[in-house]
């Protein structure tokens, strides 16, 4: 094997290191979340569960990729040259970059607009990106799913998620439940 640095296995190794770093940074950031007295479920609990999953699978990918690089033979499928992703030509890469921008906007607008509005917008845009075109279904799902998730978290789990301009919903739900 001449150049192991141009293989799928090496790309997987680099990807696993990136995801491990993201997991570590995310865990550190999640330890700074505010705690709510009297609640069993804290704001950091769900992100930390997701982070544990990310780190677990990234560590598995790291170990497998490292072992593959050490023991790689020329006929191994992962010894093939790694494809180059060109964001100008590759539609999948373009969609991935758009989703990353949506996630950054989601975080930036979360406190200002609240969970329901930001999630509805992100959901609608992502459904459009993946090719959905039934606008009635797209709008219904984009509104009802974030609203239902907020209701679940607020009423059952007692997690107070920011609502932005829809803060009046909290008062309505408190009157009903």
Protein backbone atom coordinates (compact mmCIF):
# COMPACT_ATOMS: atom_id res chain seq x y z
CA UNK A 1 0.00 0.00 0.00
CA UNK A 2 1.67 3.17 -1.19
CA UNK A 3 -0.38 6.08 0.14
CA UNK A 4 -2.69 5.33 3.05
CA UNK A 5 -3.50 9.03 3.45
CA UNK A 6 -5.62 9.09 0.29
CA UNK A 7 -7.94 6.23 1.29
CA UNK A 8 -11.51 5.90 2.52
CA UNK A 9 -10.17 4.49 5.80
CA UNK A 10 -8.06 7.63 6.39
CA UNK A 11 -11.05 9.85 5.56
CA UNK A 12 -13.08 7.92 8.11
CA UNK A 13 -10.31 8.40 10.66
CA UNK A 14 -10.27 12.17 10.08
CA UNK A 15 -14.07 12.29 10.27
CA UNK A 16 -14.07 10.38 13.56
CA UNK A 17 -11.52 12.79 15.06
CA UNK A 18 -13.64 15.77 13.98
CA UNK A 19 -16.76 14.22 15.55
CA UNK A 20 -14.85 13.38 18.74
CA UNK A 21 -13.71 17.00 19.01
CA UNK A 22 -17.25 18.24 18.38
CA UNK A 23 -18.49 15.89 21.10
CA UNK A 24 -15.89 17.07 23.61
CA UNK A 25 -16.55 20.76 22.92
CA UNK A 26 -20.31 20.16 23.06
CA UNK A 27 -20.03 18.35 26.38
CA UNK A 28 -18.01 21.22 27.86
CA UNK A 29 -20.60 23.71 26.59
CA UNK A 30 -23.48 21.63 27.96
CA UNK A 31 -21.99 21.70 31.46
CA UNK A 32 -22.62 25.44 31.44
CA UNK A 33 -26.38 25.06 30.97
CA UNK A 34 -28.54 26.49 33.70
CA UNK A 35 -30.01 23.96 36.15
CA UNK A 36 -33.62 24.11 37.29
CA UNK A 37 -34.26 23.35 40.95
CA UNK A 38 -36.92 20.76 41.62
CA UNK A 39 -36.81 19.22 38.14
CA UNK A 40 -35.61 15.70 37.47
CA UNK A 41 -34.95 16.55 33.83
CA UNK A 42 -32.41 19.31 33.37
CA UNK A 43 -31.80 21.35 30.19
CA UNK A 44 -28.43 19.65 29.66
CA UNK A 45 -29.76 16.08 29.95
CA UNK A 46 -31.00 15.55 26.38
CA UNK A 47 -28.02 17.23 24.68
CA UNK A 48 -25.66 15.18 26.86
CA UNK A 49 -27.43 11.94 25.89
CA UNK A 50 -26.98 12.86 22.23
CA UNK A 51 -23.33 13.81 22.86
CA UNK A 52 -22.66 10.43 24.51
CA UNK A 53 -24.06 8.71 21.41
CA UNK A 54 -21.96 10.90 19.11
CA UNK A 55 -18.75 10.24 21.06
CA UNK A 56 -19.50 6.51 21.33
CA UNK A 57 -20.00 6.02 17.59
CA UNK A 58 -17.13 8.36 16.70
CA UNK A 59 -14.84 6.36 18.99
CA UNK A 60 -15.93 3.11 17.32
CA UNK A 61 -15.29 4.63 13.88
CA UNK A 62 -11.89 5.87 15.08
CA UNK A 63 -10.83 2.44 16.35
CA UNK A 64 -12.09 0.61 13.25
CA UNK A 65 -10.43 3.12 10.90
CA UNK A 66 -7.15 3.02 12.79
CA UNK A 67 -7.09 -0.79 12.76
CA UNK A 68 -8.02 -0.77 9.08
CA UNK A 69 -5.15 1.62 8.26
CA UNK A 70 -2.66 -0.50 10.20
CA UNK A 71 -3.74 -3.80 8.59
CA UNK A 72 -4.79 -2.51 5.16
CA UNK A 73 -4.15 -4.59 2.08
CA UNK A 74 -4.29 -3.37 -1.53
CA UNK A 75 -7.50 -5.28 -2.33
CA UNK A 76 -9.40 -3.85 0.69
CA UNK A 77 -12.43 -1.74 -0.34
CA UNK A 78 -11.38 0.95 2.10
CA UNK A 79 -7.98 1.16 0.40
CA UNK A 80 -9.70 2.81 -2.56
CA UNK A 81 -8.98 6.50 -3.04
CA UNK A 82 -11.38 8.68 -1.09
CA UNK A 83 -13.75 10.71 -3.27
CA UNK A 84 -13.25 14.45 -3.35
CA UNK A 85 -16.37 16.39 -2.44
CA UNK A 86 -16.67 19.54 -4.51
CA UNK A 87 -19.27 21.87 -2.94
CA UNK A 88 -19.71 23.65 -6.28
CA UNK A 89 -20.65 20.52 -8.25
CA UNK A 90 -21.95 18.05 -5.67
CA UNK A 91 -25.66 18.62 -4.87
CA UNK A 92 -25.45 16.54 -1.69
CA UNK A 93 -22.57 18.69 -0.45
CA UNK A 94 -24.50 21.87 -1.28
CA UNK A 95 -27.52 20.62 0.66
CA UNK A 96 -25.26 19.70 3.60
CA UNK A 97 -23.76 23.19 3.66
CA UNK A 98 -27.24 24.74 3.51
CA UNK A 99 -28.34 22.58 6.46
CA UNK A 100 -25.26 23.71 8.41
CA UNK A 101 -26.21 27.35 7.71
CA UNK A 102 -29.79 26.57 8.81
CA UNK A 103 -28.45 25.09 12.07
CA UNK A 104 -26.31 28.16 12.73
CA UNK A 105 -29.30 30.43 12.04
CA UNK A 106 -31.43 28.19 14.29
CA UNK A 107 -29.06 28.69 17.21
CA UNK A 108 -28.69 32.42 16.51
CA UNK A 109 -32.45 33.02 16.35
CA UNK A 110 -33.55 30.57 19.06
CA UNK A 111 -33.70 33.03 21.96
CA UNK A 112 -35.17 35.85 19.87
CA UNK A 113 -37.93 33.97 18.00
CA UNK A 114 -38.36 30.97 20.31
CA UNK A 115 -38.39 27.25 19.73
CA UNK A 116 -41.69 26.90 17.86
CA UNK A 117 -41.11 29.60 15.23
CA UNK A 118 -37.44 28.75 14.56
CA UNK A 119 -38.16 25.01 14.44
CA UNK A 120 -41.11 25.53 12.09
CA UNK A 121 -38.98 27.61 9.71
CA UNK A 122 -36.08 25.15 9.80
CA UNK A 123 -38.41 22.21 9.28
CA UNK A 124 -40.12 23.90 6.33
CA UNK A 125 -36.81 24.78 4.64
CA UNK A 126 -35.34 21.30 5.16
CA UNK A 127 -38.48 19.62 3.81
CA UNK A 128 -38.23 21.84 0.73
CA UNK A 129 -34.54 20.93 0.33
CA UNK A 130 -35.26 17.21 0.39
CA UNK A 131 -37.85 17.60 -2.35
CA UNK A 132 -41.20 17.81 -0.59
CA UNK A 133 -43.63 20.02 -2.50
CA UNK A 134 -47.04 19.42 -0.90
CA UNK A 135 -47.29 22.84 0.78
CA UNK A 136 -50.33 21.97 2.92
CA UNK A 137 -48.53 19.01 4.47
CA UNK A 138 -45.23 20.88 4.76
CA UNK A 139 -46.79 23.85 6.56
CA UNK A 140 -48.93 21.63 8.79
CA UNK A 141 -46.01 19.44 9.83
CA UNK A 142 -43.71 22.44 10.26
CA UNK A 143 -46.13 24.06 12.69
CA UNK A 144 -47.71 21.09 14.48
CA UNK A 145 -44.56 19.07 15.22
CA UNK A 146 -42.61 21.88 16.98
CA UNK A 147 -45.78 22.98 18.76
CA UNK A 148 -46.46 19.42 19.91
CA UNK A 149 -42.85 18.94 21.01
CA UNK A 150 -42.94 22.19 22.97
CA UNK A 151 -46.21 21.13 24.61
CA UNK A 152 -44.70 17.76 25.55
CA UNK A 153 -41.59 19.32 27.05
CA UNK A 154 -43.51 22.07 28.88
CA UNK A 155 -46.34 19.98 30.32
CA UNK A 156 -44.84 16.53 30.90
CA UNK A 157 -41.13 17.18 31.37
CA UNK A 158 -41.50 20.64 32.95
CA UNK A 159 -38.78 22.09 30.71
CA UNK A 160 -39.37 25.76 29.97
CA UNK A 161 -38.22 26.24 26.38
CA UNK A 162 -38.08 29.85 25.07
CA UNK A 163 -41.12 30.83 23.00
CA UNK A 164 -40.17 34.32 21.83
CA UNK A 165 -43.25 36.15 20.50
CA UNK A 166 -45.42 33.11 21.26
CA UNK A 167 -44.87 33.42 25.04
CA UNK A 168 -48.64 33.84 25.47
CA UNK A 169 -48.98 30.10 24.69
CA UNK A 170 -47.47 29.33 28.08
CA UNK A 171 -50.30 31.21 29.82
CA UNK A 172 -52.94 29.44 27.72
CA UNK A 173 -51.48 26.02 28.49
CA UNK A 174 -51.20 26.87 32.20
CA UNK A 175 -54.94 27.73 32.25
CA UNK A 176 -55.84 24.43 30.55
CA UNK A 177 -53.54 22.09 32.48
